[in-house]
């Protein structure tokens, strides 16, 4: 585990690096450790960190190019029984997150989005 000194992100979380993966918070890193334990026990078969989902494709209108709108989840987890979940770790929910969550649920009806909420210390 590598602590990144004195660099807080915009939500005052301290980034941390584990297994050469940069996590935006200790809560996210701790959940990664939990998932690794489940993988060792055989309950989880795959862990993908920071999977990207397109919420709206790029497009052009009146000669103006617009970038795609994407959502980067914290984890995509595949379980031994065959189901998979998209995991999002949240300290608190922003208005932007609530919009992205709604669009994700609409665009990806076959995927389960599990939001793990936590309180700040």
PDB file of N, CA and C in Angstrom:
ATOM      1  N   UNK A   1       0.847  -1.173   0.000  1.00  0.00           N
ATOM      2  CA  UNK A   1       0.000   0.000   0.000  1.00  0.00           C
ATOM      3  C   UNK A   1       0.889   1.233   0.000  1.00  0.00           C
ATOM      4  N   UNK A   2       0.594   2.143  -0.913  1.00  0.00           N
ATOM      5  CA  UNK A   2       1.358   3.385  -1.008  1.00  0.00           C
ATOM      6  C   UNK A   2       0.417   4.541  -0.755  1.00  0.00           C
ATOM      7  N   UNK A   3       0.759   5.380   0.200  1.00  0.00           N
ATOM      8  CA  UNK A   3      -0.022   6.586   0.448  1.00  0.00           C
ATOM      9  C   UNK A   3       0.557   7.703  -0.397  1.00  0.00           C
ATOM     10  N   UNK A   4      -0.310   8.455  -0.992  1.00  0.00           N
ATOM     11  CA  UNK A   4       0.124   9.597  -1.780  1.00  0.00           C
ATOM     12  C   UNK A   4       0.069  10.810  -0.857  1.00  0.00           C
ATOM     13  N   UNK A   5       1.217  11.412  -0.556  1.00  0.00           N
ATOM     14  CA  UNK A   5       1.246  12.442   0.480  1.00  0.00           C
ATOM     15  C   UNK A   5       0.526  13.737   0.103  1.00  0.00           C
ATOM     16  N   UNK A   6      -0.283  14.215   1.041  1.00  0.00           N
ATOM     17  CA  UNK A   6      -0.895  15.536   1.001  1.00  0.00           C
ATOM     18  C   UNK A   6      -1.562  15.912  -0.313  1.00  0.00           C
ATOM     19  N   UNK A   7      -2.178  14.959  -0.972  1.00  0.00           N
ATOM     20  CA  UNK A   7      -2.944  15.294  -2.168  1.00  0.00           C
ATOM     21  C   UNK A   7      -4.364  14.815  -1.946  1.00  0.00           C
ATOM     22  N   UNK A   8      -5.227  15.738  -1.687  1.00  0.00           N
ATOM     23  CA  UNK A   8      -6.621  15.409  -1.488  1.00  0.00           C
ATOM     24  C   UNK A   8      -7.377  15.740  -2.768  1.00  0.00           C
ATOM     25  N   UNK A   9      -8.334  14.895  -3.125  1.00  0.00           N
ATOM     26  CA  UNK A   9      -9.124  15.204  -4.302  1.00  0.00           C
ATOM     27  C   UNK A   9     -10.210  16.208  -3.938  1.00  0.00           C
ATOM     28  N   UNK A  10     -11.065  16.537  -4.875  1.00  0.00           N
ATOM     29  CA  UNK A  10     -12.049  17.590  -4.659  1.00  0.00           C
ATOM     30  C   UNK A  10     -13.061  17.263  -3.566  1.00  0.00           C
ATOM     31  N   UNK A  11     -13.183  15.998  -3.182  1.00  0.00           N
ATOM     32  CA  UNK A  11     -14.099  15.612  -2.112  1.00  0.00           C
ATOM     33  C   UNK A  11     -13.347  15.337  -0.811  1.00  0.00           C
ATOM     34  N   UNK A  12     -12.106  15.778  -0.735  1.00  0.00           N
ATOM     35  CA  UNK A  12     -11.249  15.660   0.447  1.00  0.00           C
ATOM     36  C   UNK A  12     -10.937  14.216   0.810  1.00  0.00           C
ATOM     37  N   UNK A  13     -10.913  13.342  -0.192  1.00  0.00           N
ATOM     38  CA  UNK A  13     -10.461  11.967   0.000  1.00  0.00           C
ATOM     39  C   UNK A  13      -8.976  11.906  -0.292  1.00  0.00           C
ATOM     40  N   UNK A  14      -8.287  11.068   0.425  1.00  0.00           N
ATOM     41  CA  UNK A  14      -6.862  10.887   0.199  1.00  0.00           C
ATOM     42  C   UNK A  14      -6.656   9.702  -0.733  1.00  0.00           C
ATOM     43  N   UNK A  15      -6.071   9.933  -1.931  1.00  0.00           N
ATOM     44  CA  UNK A  15      -5.812   8.822  -2.854  1.00  0.00           C
ATOM     45  C   UNK A  15      -4.825   7.818  -2.252  1.00  0.00           C
ATOM     46  N   UNK A  16      -4.933   6.586  -2.694  1.00  0.00           N
ATOM     47  CA  UNK A  16      -4.061   5.519  -2.198  1.00  0.00           C
ATOM     48  C   UNK A  16      -3.811   4.535  -3.341  1.00  0.00           C
ATOM     49  N   UNK A  17      -2.623   3.933  -3.365  1.00  0.00           N
ATOM     50  CA  UNK A  17      -2.278   2.966  -4.406  1.00  0.00           C
ATOM     51  C   UNK A  17      -2.085   1.586  -3.776  1.00  0.00           C
ATOM     52  N   UNK A  18      -2.791   0.604  -4.332  1.00  0.00           N
ATOM     53  CA  UNK A  18      -2.652  -0.793  -3.907  1.00  0.00           C
ATOM     54  C   UNK A  18      -2.552  -1.632  -5.170  1.00  0.00           C
ATOM     55  N   UNK A  19      -1.606  -2.557  -5.217  1.00  0.00           N
ATOM     56  CA  UNK A  19      -1.401  -3.424  -6.385  1.00  0.00           C
ATOM     57  C   UNK A  19      -1.235  -2.610  -7.667  1.00  0.00           C
ATOM     58  N   UNK A  20      -0.570  -1.475  -7.569  1.00  0.00           N
ATOM     59  CA  UNK A  20      -0.330  -0.552  -8.692  1.00  0.00           C
ATOM     60  C   UNK A  20      -1.616   0.041  -9.260  1.00  0.00           C
ATOM     61  N   UNK A  21      -2.679   0.026  -8.466  1.00  0.00           N
ATOM     62  CA  UNK A  21      -3.962   0.619  -8.854  1.00  0.00           C
ATOM     63  C   UNK A  21      -4.208   1.820  -7.953  1.00  0.00           C
ATOM     64  N   UNK A  22      -4.513   2.966  -8.563  1.00  0.00           N
ATOM     65  CA  UNK A  22      -4.776   4.169  -7.782  1.00  0.00           C
ATOM     66  C   UNK A  22      -6.261   4.246  -7.458  1.00  0.00           C
ATOM     67  N   UNK A  23      -6.565   4.292  -6.173  1.00  0.00           N
ATOM     68  CA  UNK A  23      -7.934   4.441  -5.699  1.00  0.00           C
ATOM     69  C   UNK A  23      -8.117   5.858  -5.180  1.00  0.00           C
ATOM     70  N   UNK A  24      -9.304   6.408  -5.384  1.00  0.00           N
ATOM     71  CA  UNK A  24      -9.536   7.797  -5.002  1.00  0.00           C
ATOM     72  C   UNK A  24      -9.821   7.971  -3.517  1.00  0.00           C
ATOM     73  N   UNK A  25     -10.061   6.869  -2.801  1.00  0.00           N
ATOM     74  CA  UNK A  25     -10.324   6.976  -1.367  1.00  0.00           C
ATOM     75  C   UNK A  25      -9.904   5.694  -0.653  1.00  0.00           C
ATOM     76  N   UNK A  26      -9.749   5.815   0.658  1.00  0.00           N
ATOM     77  CA  UNK A  26      -9.429   4.641   1.469  1.00  0.00           C
ATOM     78  C   UNK A  26     -10.608   3.666   1.498  1.00  0.00           C
ATOM     79  N   UNK A  27     -11.820   4.199   1.469  1.00  0.00           N
ATOM     80  CA  UNK A  27     -13.007   3.350   1.477  1.00  0.00           C
ATOM     81  C   UNK A  27     -13.028   2.462   0.229  1.00  0.00           C
ATOM     82  N   UNK A  28     -12.687   3.052  -0.912  1.00  0.00           N
ATOM     83  CA  UNK A  28     -12.640   2.299  -2.171  1.00  0.00           C
ATOM     84  C   UNK A  28     -11.541   1.237  -2.119  1.00  0.00           C
ATOM     85  N   UNK A  29     -10.374   1.605  -1.597  1.00  0.00           N
ATOM     86  CA  UNK A  29      -9.257   0.666  -1.482  1.00  0.00           C
ATOM     87  C   UNK A  29      -9.594  -0.484  -0.533  1.00  0.00           C
ATOM     88  N   UNK A  30     -10.284  -0.156   0.541  1.00  0.00           N
ATOM     89  CA  UNK A  30     -10.677  -1.191   1.504  1.00  0.00           C
ATOM     90  C   UNK A  30     -11.658  -2.180   0.854  1.00  0.00           C
ATOM     91  N   UNK A  31     -12.570  -1.673   0.047  1.00  0.00           N
ATOM     92  CA  UNK A  31     -13.521  -2.549  -0.633  1.00  0.00           C
ATOM     93  C   UNK A  31     -12.798  -3.444  -1.644  1.00  0.00           C
ATOM     94  N   UNK A  32     -11.775  -2.911  -2.276  1.00  0.00           N
ATOM     95  CA  UNK A  32     -10.956  -3.717  -3.186  1.00  0.00           C
ATOM     96  C   UNK A  32     -10.329  -4.893  -2.424  1.00  0.00           C
ATOM     97  N   UNK A  33      -9.839  -4.632  -1.230  1.00  0.00           N
ATOM     98  CA  UNK A  33      -9.282  -5.704  -0.400  1.00  0.00           C
ATOM     99  C   UNK A  33     -10.324  -6.762  -0.075  1.00  0.00           C
ATOM    100  N   UNK A  34     -11.536  -6.321   0.204  1.00  0.00           N
ATOM    101  CA  UNK A  34     -12.646  -7.238   0.473  1.00  0.00           C
ATOM    102  C   UNK A  34     -12.932  -8.108  -0.758  1.00  0.00           C
ATOM    103  N   UNK A  35     -12.949  -7.479  -1.940  1.00  0.00           N
ATOM    104  CA  UNK A  35     -13.191  -8.235  -3.174  1.00  0.00           C
ATOM    105  C   UNK A  35     -12.077  -9.253  -3.431  1.00  0.00           C
ATOM    106  N   UNK A  36     -10.830  -8.871  -3.133  1.00  0.00           N
ATOM    107  CA  UNK A  36      -9.714  -9.814  -3.309  1.00  0.00           C
ATOM    108  C   UNK A  36      -9.887 -11.019  -2.387  1.00  0.00           C
ATOM    109  N   UNK A  37     -10.378 -10.789  -1.179  1.00  0.00           N
ATOM    110  CA  UNK A  37     -10.631 -11.895  -0.246  1.00  0.00           C
ATOM    111  C   UNK A  37     -11.705 -12.821  -0.805  1.00  0.00           C
ATOM    112  N   UNK A  38     -12.784 -12.227  -1.342  1.00  0.00           N
ATOM    113  CA  UNK A  38     -13.841 -13.043  -1.947  1.00  0.00           C
ATOM    114  C   UNK A  38     -13.317 -13.851  -3.140  1.00  0.00           C
ATOM    115  N   UNK A  39     -12.380 -13.268  -3.856  1.00  0.00           N
ATOM    116  CA  UNK A  39     -11.793 -13.988  -4.995  1.00  0.00           C
ATOM    117  C   UNK A  39     -10.969 -15.176  -4.508  1.00  0.00           C
ATOM    118  N   UNK A  40     -10.208 -14.992  -3.441  1.00  0.00           N
ATOM    119  CA  UNK A  40      -9.425 -16.105  -2.882  1.00  0.00           C
ATOM    120  C   UNK A  40     -10.329 -17.226  -2.381  1.00  0.00           C
ATOM    121  N   UNK A  41     -11.504 -16.842  -1.879  1.00  0.00           N
ATOM    122  CA  UNK A  41     -12.460 -17.834  -1.382  1.00  0.00           C
ATOM    123  C   UNK A  41     -13.249 -18.503  -2.508  1.00  0.00           C
ATOM    124  N   UNK A  42     -13.093 -17.997  -3.728  1.00  0.00           N
ATOM    125  CA  UNK A  42     -13.779 -18.582  -4.872  1.00  0.00           C
ATOM    126  C   UNK A  42     -15.169 -18.033  -5.139  1.00  0.00           C
ATOM    127  N   UNK A  43     -15.598 -17.046  -4.353  1.00  0.00           N
ATOM    128  CA  UNK A  43     -16.930 -16.464  -4.559  1.00  0.00           C
ATOM    129  C   UNK A  43     -16.940 -15.473  -5.718  1.00  0.00           C
ATOM    130  N   UNK A  44     -15.796 -14.862  -5.986  1.00  0.00           N
ATOM    131  CA  UNK A  44     -15.645 -13.888  -7.066  1.00  0.00           C
ATOM    132  C   UNK A  44     -14.658 -14.468  -8.073  1.00  0.00           C
ATOM    133  N   UNK A  45     -14.982 -14.350  -9.364  1.00  0.00           N
ATOM    134  CA  UNK A  45     -14.082 -14.866 -10.396  1.00  0.00           C
ATOM    135  C   UNK A  45     -13.340 -13.760 -11.136  1.00  0.00           C
ATOM    136  N   UNK A  46     -13.841 -12.529 -11.047  1.00  0.00           N
ATOM    137  CA  UNK A  46     -13.174 -11.435 -11.748  1.00  0.00           C
ATOM    138  C   UNK A  46     -13.456 -10.087 -11.112  1.00  0.00           C
ATOM    139  N   UNK A  47     -12.421  -9.268 -11.067  1.00  0.00           N
ATOM    140  CA  UNK A  47     -12.535  -7.903 -10.543  1.00  0.00           C
ATOM    141  C   UNK A  47     -11.935  -6.966 -11.584  1.00  0.00           C
ATOM    142  N   UNK A  48     -12.731  -6.057 -12.075  1.00  0.00           N
ATOM    143  CA  UNK A  48     -12.239  -5.031 -12.999  1.00  0.00           C
ATOM    144  C   UNK A  48     -12.365  -3.686 -12.292  1.00  0.00           C
ATOM    145  N   UNK A  49     -11.258  -2.988 -12.196  1.00  0.00           N
ATOM    146  CA  UNK A  49     -11.261  -1.678 -11.556  1.00  0.00           C
ATOM    147  C   UNK A  49     -11.499  -0.588 -12.602  1.00  0.00           C
ATOM    148  N   UNK A  50     -12.319   0.356 -12.248  1.00  0.00           N
ATOM    149  CA  UNK A  50     -12.624   1.539 -13.049  1.00  0.00           C
ATOM    150  C   UNK A  50     -13.085   1.225 -14.479  1.00  0.00           C
ATOM    151  N   UNK A  51     -14.107   0.363 -14.620  1.00  0.00           N
ATOM    152  CA  UNK A  51     -14.651   0.123 -15.958  1.00  0.00           C
ATOM    153  C   UNK A  51     -15.376   1.369 -16.461  1.00  0.00           C
ATOM    154  N   UNK A  52     -15.313   1.600 -17.757  1.00  0.00           N
ATOM    155  CA  UNK A  52     -15.916   2.794 -18.362  1.00  0.00           C
ATOM    156  C   UNK A  52     -17.185   2.405 -19.108  1.00  0.00           C
ATOM    157  N   UNK A  53     -18.230   3.182 -18.905  1.00  0.00           N
ATOM    158  CA  UNK A  53     -19.506   2.969 -19.576  1.00  0.00           C
ATOM    159  C   UNK A  53     -19.896   4.245 -20.314  1.00  0.00           C
ATOM    160  N   UNK A  54     -20.285   4.087 -21.562  1.00  0.00           N
ATOM    161  CA  UNK A  54     -20.723   5.240 -22.347  1.00  0.00           C
ATOM    162  C   UNK A  54     -22.190   5.521 -22.043  1.00  0.00           C
ATOM    163  N   UNK A  55     -22.468   6.730 -21.581  1.00  0.00           N
ATOM    164  CA  UNK A  55     -23.835   7.121 -21.280  1.00  0.00           C
ATOM    165  C   UNK A  55     -24.494   7.790 -22.481  1.00  0.00           C
ATOM    166  N   UNK A  56     -23.687   8.524 -23.229  1.00  0.00           N
ATOM    167  CA  UNK A  56     -24.172   9.162 -24.458  1.00  0.00           C
ATOM    168  C   UNK A  56     -23.022   9.174 -25.443  1.00  0.00           C
ATOM    169  N   UNK A  57     -23.237   8.756 -26.683  1.00  0.00           N
ATOM    170  CA  UNK A  57     -22.145   8.747 -27.663  1.00  0.00           C
ATOM    171  C   UNK A  57     -21.761  10.160 -28.098  1.00  0.00           C
ATOM    172  N   UNK A  58     -20.567  10.264 -28.652  1.00  0.00           N
ATOM    173  CA  UNK A  58     -20.142  11.549 -29.208  1.00  0.00           C
ATOM    174  C   UNK A  58     -21.013  11.860 -30.420  1.00  0.00           C
ATOM    175  N   UNK A  59     -21.138  13.150 -30.716  1.00  0.00           N
ATOM    176  CA  UNK A  59     -21.936  13.539 -31.869  1.00  0.00           C
ATOM    177  C   UNK A  59     -21.497  14.915 -32.350  1.00  0.00           C
ATOM    178  N   UNK A  60     -21.995  15.269 -33.506  1.00  0.00           N
ATOM    179  CA  UNK A  60     -21.686  16.572 -34.087  1.00  0.00           C
ATOM    180  C   UNK A  60     -23.002  17.245 -34.472  1.00  0.00           C
ATOM    181  N   UNK A  61     -23.095  18.539 -34.172  1.00  0.00           N
ATOM    182  CA  UNK A  61     -24.297  19.307 -34.502  1.00  0.00           C
ATOM    183  C   UNK A  61     -23.883  20.705 -34.933  1.00  0.00           C
ATOM    184  N   UNK A  62     -24.319  21.116 -36.089  1.00  0.00           N
ATOM    185  CA  UNK A  62     -23.993  22.442 -36.632  1.00  0.00           C
ATOM    186  C   UNK A  62     -22.483  22.693 -36.643  1.00  0.00           C
ATOM    187  N   UNK A  63     -21.723  21.651 -36.973  1.00  0.00           N
ATOM    188  CA  UNK A  63     -20.279  21.775 -37.057  1.00  0.00           C
ATOM    189  C   UNK A  63     -19.555  21.747 -35.716  1.00  0.00           C
ATOM    190  N   UNK A  64     -20.289  21.619 -34.635  1.00  0.00           N
ATOM    191  CA  UNK A  64     -19.676  21.538 -33.300  1.00  0.00           C
ATOM    192  C   UNK A  64     -19.611  20.076 -32.888  1.00  0.00           C
ATOM    193  N   UNK A  65     -18.421  19.639 -32.486  1.00  0.00           N
ATOM    194  CA  UNK A  65     -18.231  18.257 -32.055  1.00  0.00           C
ATOM    195  C   UNK A  65     -18.383  18.169 -30.535  1.00  0.00           C
ATOM    196  N   UNK A  66     -19.198  17.235 -30.105  1.00  0.00           N
ATOM    197  CA  UNK A  66     -19.432  17.004 -28.689  1.00  0.00           C
ATOM    198  C   UNK A  66     -18.821  15.663 -28.297  1.00  0.00           C
ATOM    199  N   UNK A  67     -18.114  15.645 -27.190  1.00  0.00           N
ATOM    200  CA  UNK A  67     -17.512  14.407 -26.699  1.00  0.00           C
ATOM    201  C   UNK A  67     -18.580  13.497 -26.113  1.00  0.00           C
ATOM    202  N   UNK A  68     -18.263  12.228 -26.067  1.00  0.00           N
ATOM    203  CA  UNK A  68     -19.148  11.260 -25.422  1.00  0.00           C
ATOM    204  C   UNK A  68     -19.197  11.556 -23.924  1.00  0.00           C
ATOM    205  N   UNK A  69     -20.312  11.226 -23.314  1.00  0.00           N
ATOM    206  CA  UNK A  69     -20.434  11.322 -21.863  1.00  0.00           C
ATOM    207  C   UNK A  69     -20.232   9.927 -21.307  1.00  0.00           C
ATOM    208  N   UNK A  70     -19.280   9.777 -20.402  1.00  0.00           N
ATOM    209  CA  UNK A  70     -18.976   8.462 -19.846  1.00  0.00           C
ATOM    210  C   UNK A  70     -19.131   8.465 -18.334  1.00  0.00           C
ATOM    211  N   UNK A  71     -19.271   7.279 -17.813  1.00  0.00           N
ATOM    212  CA  UNK A  71     -19.320   7.059 -16.368  1.00  0.00           C
ATOM    213  C   UNK A  71     -18.249   6.019 -16.060  1.00  0.00           C
ATOM    214  N   UNK A  72     -17.386   6.329 -15.117  1.00  0.00           N
ATOM    215  CA  UNK A  72     -16.347   5.394 -14.688  1.00  0.00           C
ATOM    216  C   UNK A  72     -16.757   4.855 -13.319  1.00  0.00           C
ATOM    217  N   UNK A  73     -17.120   3.590 -13.292  1.00  0.00           N
ATOM    218  CA  UNK A  73     -17.519   2.944 -12.040  1.00  0.00           C
ATOM    219  C   UNK A  73     -16.271   2.600 -11.231  1.00  0.00           C
ATOM    220  N   UNK A  74     -16.472   2.233  -9.999  1.00  0.00           N
ATOM    221  CA  UNK A  74     -15.335   1.810  -9.177  1.00  0.00           C
ATOM    222  C   UNK A  74     -14.920   0.376  -9.502  1.00  0.00           C
ATOM    223  N   UNK A  75     -15.904  -0.529  -9.626  1.00  0.00           N
ATOM    224  CA  UNK A  75     -15.586  -1.936  -9.885  1.00  0.00           C
ATOM    225  C   UNK A  75     -16.658  -2.588 -10.746  1.00  0.00           C
ATOM    226  N   UNK A  76     -16.226  -3.559 -11.536  1.00  0.00           N
ATOM    227  CA  UNK A  76     -17.122  -4.520 -12.185  1.00  0.00           C
ATOM    228  C   UNK A  76     -16.707  -5.866 -11.610  1.00  0.00           C
ATOM    229  N   UNK A  77     -17.652  -6.562 -10.987  1.00  0.00           N
ATOM    230  CA  UNK A  77     -17.337  -7.801 -10.276  1.00  0.00           C
ATOM    231  C   UNK A  77     -18.130  -8.950 -10.887  1.00  0.00           C
ATOM    232  N   UNK A  78     -17.419 -10.033 -11.220  1.00  0.00           N
ATOM    233  CA  UNK A  78     -18.058 -11.247 -11.727  1.00  0.00           C
ATOM    234  C   UNK A  78     -17.995 -12.300 -10.624  1.00  0.00           C
ATOM    235  N   UNK A  79     -19.144 -12.895 -10.361  1.00  0.00           N
ATOM    236  CA  UNK A  79     -19.256 -13.872  -9.279  1.00  0.00           C
ATOM    237  C   UNK A  79     -19.266 -15.299  -9.819  1.00  0.00           C
ATOM    238  N   UNK A  80     -18.941 -16.227  -8.955  1.00  0.00           N
ATOM    239  CA  UNK A  80     -18.834 -17.640  -9.340  1.00  0.00           C
ATOM    240  C   UNK A  80     -20.161 -18.195  -9.849  1.00  0.00           C
ATOM    241  N   UNK A  81     -21.273 -17.664  -9.385  1.00  0.00           N
ATOM    242  CA  UNK A  81     -22.577 -18.158  -9.837  1.00  0.00           C
ATOM    243  C   UNK A  81     -22.989 -17.578 -11.188  1.00  0.00           C
ATOM    244  N   UNK A  82     -22.131 -16.733 -11.775  1.00  0.00           N
ATOM    245  CA  UNK A  82     -22.377 -16.215 -13.120  1.00  0.00           C
ATOM    246  C   UNK A  82     -22.906 -14.795 -13.188  1.00  0.00           C
ATOM    247  N   UNK A  83     -23.428 -14.250 -12.090  1.00  0.00           N
ATOM    248  CA  UNK A  83     -23.942 -12.882 -12.174  1.00  0.00           C
ATOM    249  C   UNK A  83     -22.802 -11.884 -11.992  1.00  0.00           C
ATOM    250  N   UNK A  84     -23.076 -10.657 -12.407  1.00  0.00           N
ATOM    251  CA  UNK A  84     -22.066  -9.621 -12.239  1.00  0.00           C
ATOM    252  C   UNK A  84     -22.730  -8.355 -11.729  1.00  0.00           C
ATOM    253  N   UNK A  85     -21.927  -7.543 -11.042  1.00  0.00           N
ATOM    254  CA  UNK A  85     -22.406  -6.286 -10.484  1.00  0.00           C
ATOM    255  C   UNK A  85     -21.420  -5.176 -10.817  1.00  0.00           C
ATOM    256  N   UNK A  86     -21.962  -4.002 -10.975  1.00  0.00           N
ATOM    257  CA  UNK A  86     -21.156  -2.796 -11.071  1.00  0.00           C
ATOM    258  C   UNK A  86     -21.237  -2.163  -9.689  1.00  0.00           C
ATOM    259  N   UNK A  87     -20.082  -1.902  -9.095  1.00  0.00           N
ATOM    260  CA  UNK A  87     -20.027  -1.391  -7.727  1.00  0.00           C
ATOM    261  C   UNK A  87     -19.558   0.060  -7.743  1.00  0.00           C
ATOM    262  N   UNK A  88     -20.264   0.897  -7.010  1.00  0.00           N
ATOM    263  CA  UNK A  88     -19.901   2.302  -6.849  1.00  0.00           C
ATOM    264  C   UNK A  88     -19.828   2.598  -5.351  1.00  0.00           C
ATOM    265  N   UNK A  89     -18.684   3.100  -4.903  1.00  0.00           N
ATOM    266  CA  UNK A  89     -18.486   3.460  -3.501  1.00  0.00           C
ATOM    267  C   UNK A  89     -18.713   4.959  -3.386  1.00  0.00           C
ATOM    268  N   UNK A  90     -19.638   5.364  -2.535  1.00  0.00           N
ATOM    269  CA  UNK A  90     -19.965   6.779  -2.405  1.00  0.00           C
ATOM    270  C   UNK A  90     -19.904   7.225  -0.954  1.00  0.00           C
ATOM    271  N   UNK A  91     -19.204   8.320  -0.707  1.00  0.00           N
ATOM    272  CA  UNK A  91     -19.243   8.961   0.602  1.00  0.00           C
ATOM    273  C   UNK A  91     -20.503   9.794   0.711  1.00  0.00           C
ATOM    274  N   UNK A  92     -20.835  10.469  -0.377  1.00  0.00           N
ATOM    275  CA  UNK A  92     -22.092  11.209  -0.485  1.00  0.00           C
ATOM    276  C   UNK A  92     -22.435  11.330  -1.963  1.00  0.00           C
ATOM    277  N   UNK A  93     -23.690  11.581  -2.235  1.00  0.00           N
ATOM    278  CA  UNK A  93     -24.164  11.622  -3.616  1.00  0.00           C
ATOM    279  C   UNK A  93     -24.295  13.070  -4.092  1.00  0.00           C
ATOM    280  N   UNK A  94     -23.650  13.371  -5.193  1.00  0.00           N
ATOM    281  CA  UNK A  94     -23.746  14.703  -5.780  1.00  0.00           C
ATOM    282  C   UNK A  94     -24.906  14.734  -6.778  1.00  0.00           C
ATOM    283  N   UNK A  95     -25.386  15.916  -7.133  1.00  0.00           N
ATOM    284  CA  UNK A  95     -26.421  16.006  -8.163  1.00  0.00           C
ATOM    285  C   UNK A  95     -25.960  15.388  -9.494  1.00  0.00           C
ATOM    286  N   UNK A  96     -24.681  15.581  -9.854  1.00  0.00           N
ATOM    287  CA  UNK A  96     -24.167  14.988 -11.092  1.00  0.00           C
ATOM    288  C   UNK A  96     -24.212  13.468 -11.026  1.00  0.00           C
ATOM    289  N   UNK A  97     -23.849  12.899  -9.875  1.00  0.00           N
ATOM    290  CA  UNK A  97     -23.900  11.442  -9.725  1.00  0.00           C
ATOM    291  C   UNK A  97     -25.320  10.931  -9.927  1.00  0.00           C
ATOM    292  N   UNK A  98     -26.301  11.618  -9.356  1.00  0.00           N
ATOM    293  CA  UNK A  98     -27.688  11.163  -9.460  1.00  0.00           C
ATOM    294  C   UNK A  98     -28.148  11.134 -10.919  1.00  0.00           C
ATOM    295  N   UNK A  99     -27.721  12.105 -11.713  1.00  0.00           N
ATOM    296  CA  UNK A  99     -28.061  12.126 -13.136  1.00  0.00           C
ATOM    297  C   UNK A  99     -27.374  10.968 -13.856  1.00  0.00           C
ATOM    298  N   UNK A 100     -26.067  10.782 -13.596  1.00  0.00           N
ATOM    299  CA  UNK A 100     -25.342   9.685 -14.252  1.00  0.00           C
ATOM    300  C   UNK A 100     -25.924   8.327 -13.863  1.00  0.00           C
ATOM    301  N   UNK A 101     -26.342   8.198 -12.617  1.00  0.00           N
ATOM    302  CA  UNK A 101     -26.934   6.935 -12.168  1.00  0.00           C
ATOM    303  C   UNK A 101     -28.221   6.644 -12.944  1.00  0.00           C
ATOM    304  N   UNK A 102     -29.058   7.648 -13.109  1.00  0.00           N
ATOM    305  CA  UNK A 102     -30.309   7.451 -13.854  1.00  0.00           C
ATOM    306  C   UNK A 102     -30.030   7.061 -15.307  1.00  0.00           C
ATOM    307  N   UNK A 103     -29.091   7.747 -15.926  1.00  0.00           N
ATOM    308  CA  UNK A 103     -28.769   7.437 -17.323  1.00  0.00           C
ATOM    309  C   UNK A 103     -28.180   6.030 -17.428  1.00  0.00           C
ATOM    310  N   UNK A 104     -27.293   5.674 -16.493  1.00  0.00           N
ATOM    311  CA  UNK A 104     -26.718   4.323 -16.490  1.00  0.00           C
ATOM    312  C   UNK A 104     -27.823   3.278 -16.401  1.00  0.00           C
ATOM    313  N   UNK A 105     -28.738   3.449 -15.460  1.00  0.00           N
ATOM    314  CA  UNK A 105     -29.817   2.479 -15.264  1.00  0.00           C
ATOM    315  C   UNK A 105     -30.660   2.345 -16.533  1.00  0.00           C
ATOM    316  N   UNK A 106     -30.865   3.433 -17.247  1.00  0.00           N
ATOM    317  CA  UNK A 106     -31.640   3.401 -18.485  1.00  0.00           C
ATOM    318  C   UNK A 106     -30.864   2.717 -19.607  1.00  0.00           C
ATOM    319  N   UNK A 107     -29.589   3.089 -19.755  1.00  0.00           N
ATOM    320  CA  UNK A 107     -28.769   2.560 -20.860  1.00  0.00           C
ATOM    321  C   UNK A 107     -28.357   1.111 -20.669  1.00  0.00           C
ATOM    322  N   UNK A 108     -28.221   0.669 -19.434  1.00  0.00           N
ATOM    323  CA  UNK A 108     -27.723  -0.678 -19.149  1.00  0.00           C
ATOM    324  C   UNK A 108     -28.711  -1.427 -18.244  1.00  0.00           C
ATOM    325  N   UNK A 109     -29.902  -1.723 -18.743  1.00  0.00           N
ATOM    326  CA  UNK A 109     -30.926  -2.366 -17.901  1.00  0.00           C
ATOM    327  C   UNK A 109     -30.552  -3.776 -17.442  1.00  0.00           C
ATOM    328  N   UNK A 110     -29.637  -4.435 -18.147  1.00  0.00           N
ATOM    329  CA  UNK A 110     -29.259  -5.803 -17.774  1.00  0.00           C
ATOM    330  C   UNK A 110     -28.131  -5.855 -16.738  1.00  0.00           C
ATOM    331  N   UNK A 111     -27.548  -4.705 -16.407  1.00  0.00           N
ATOM    332  CA  UNK A 111     -26.479  -4.668 -15.402  1.00  0.00           C
ATOM    333  C   UNK A 111     -27.038  -4.180 -14.073  1.00  0.00           C
ATOM    334  N   UNK A 112     -26.533  -4.758 -12.995  1.00  0.00           N
ATOM    335  CA  UNK A 112     -26.928  -4.355 -11.654  1.00  0.00           C
ATOM    336  C   UNK A 112     -25.909  -3.367 -11.119  1.00  0.00           C
ATOM    337  N   UNK A 113     -26.369  -2.182 -10.763  1.00  0.00           N
ATOM    338  CA  UNK A 113     -25.510  -1.153 -10.173  1.00  0.00           C
ATOM    339  C   UNK A 113     -25.750  -1.150  -8.670  1.00  0.00           C
ATOM    340  N   UNK A 114     -24.717  -1.502  -7.932  1.00  0.00           N
ATOM    341  CA  UNK A 114     -24.804  -1.555  -6.468  1.00  0.00           C
ATOM    342  C   UNK A 114     -24.027  -0.348  -5.915  1.00  0.00           C
ATOM    343  N   UNK A 115     -24.742   0.518  -5.217  1.00  0.00           N
ATOM    344  CA  UNK A 115     -24.117   1.715  -4.648  1.00  0.00           C
ATOM    345  C   UNK A 115     -23.911   1.469  -3.165  1.00  0.00           C
ATOM    346  N   UNK A 116     -22.660   1.566  -2.739  1.00  0.00           N
ATOM    347  CA  UNK A 116     -22.321   1.377  -1.335  1.00  0.00           C
ATOM    348  C   UNK A 116     -22.063   2.756  -0.755  1.00  0.00           C
ATOM    349  N   UNK A 117     -22.945   3.160   0.123  1.00  0.00           N
ATOM    350  CA  UNK A 117     -22.853   4.486   0.725  1.00  0.00           C
ATOM    351  C   UNK A 117     -22.205   4.371   2.094  1.00  0.00           C
ATOM    352  N   UNK A 118     -21.492   5.405   2.453  1.00  0.00           N
ATOM    353  CA  UNK A 118     -20.859   5.407   3.763  1.00  0.00           C
ATOM    354  C   UNK A 118     -20.847   6.799   4.335  1.00  0.00           C
ATOM    355  N   UNK A 119     -20.701   6.852   5.620  1.00  0.00           N
ATOM    356  CA  UNK A 119     -20.634   8.139   6.295  1.00  0.00           C
ATOM    357  C   UNK A 119     -19.180   8.541   6.486  1.00  0.00           C
ATOM    358  N   UNK A 120     -18.956   9.831   6.439  1.00  0.00           N
ATOM    359  CA  UNK A 120     -17.608  10.339   6.721  1.00  0.00           C
ATOM    360  C   UNK A 120     -17.331  10.249   8.202  1.00  0.00           C
ATOM    361  N   UNK A 121     -16.061  10.137   8.534  1.00  0.00           N
ATOM    362  CA  UNK A 121     -15.673  10.082   9.950  1.00  0.00           C
ATOM    363  C   UNK A 121     -15.812  11.428  10.585  1.00  0.00           C
TER     364      UNK A 121
END
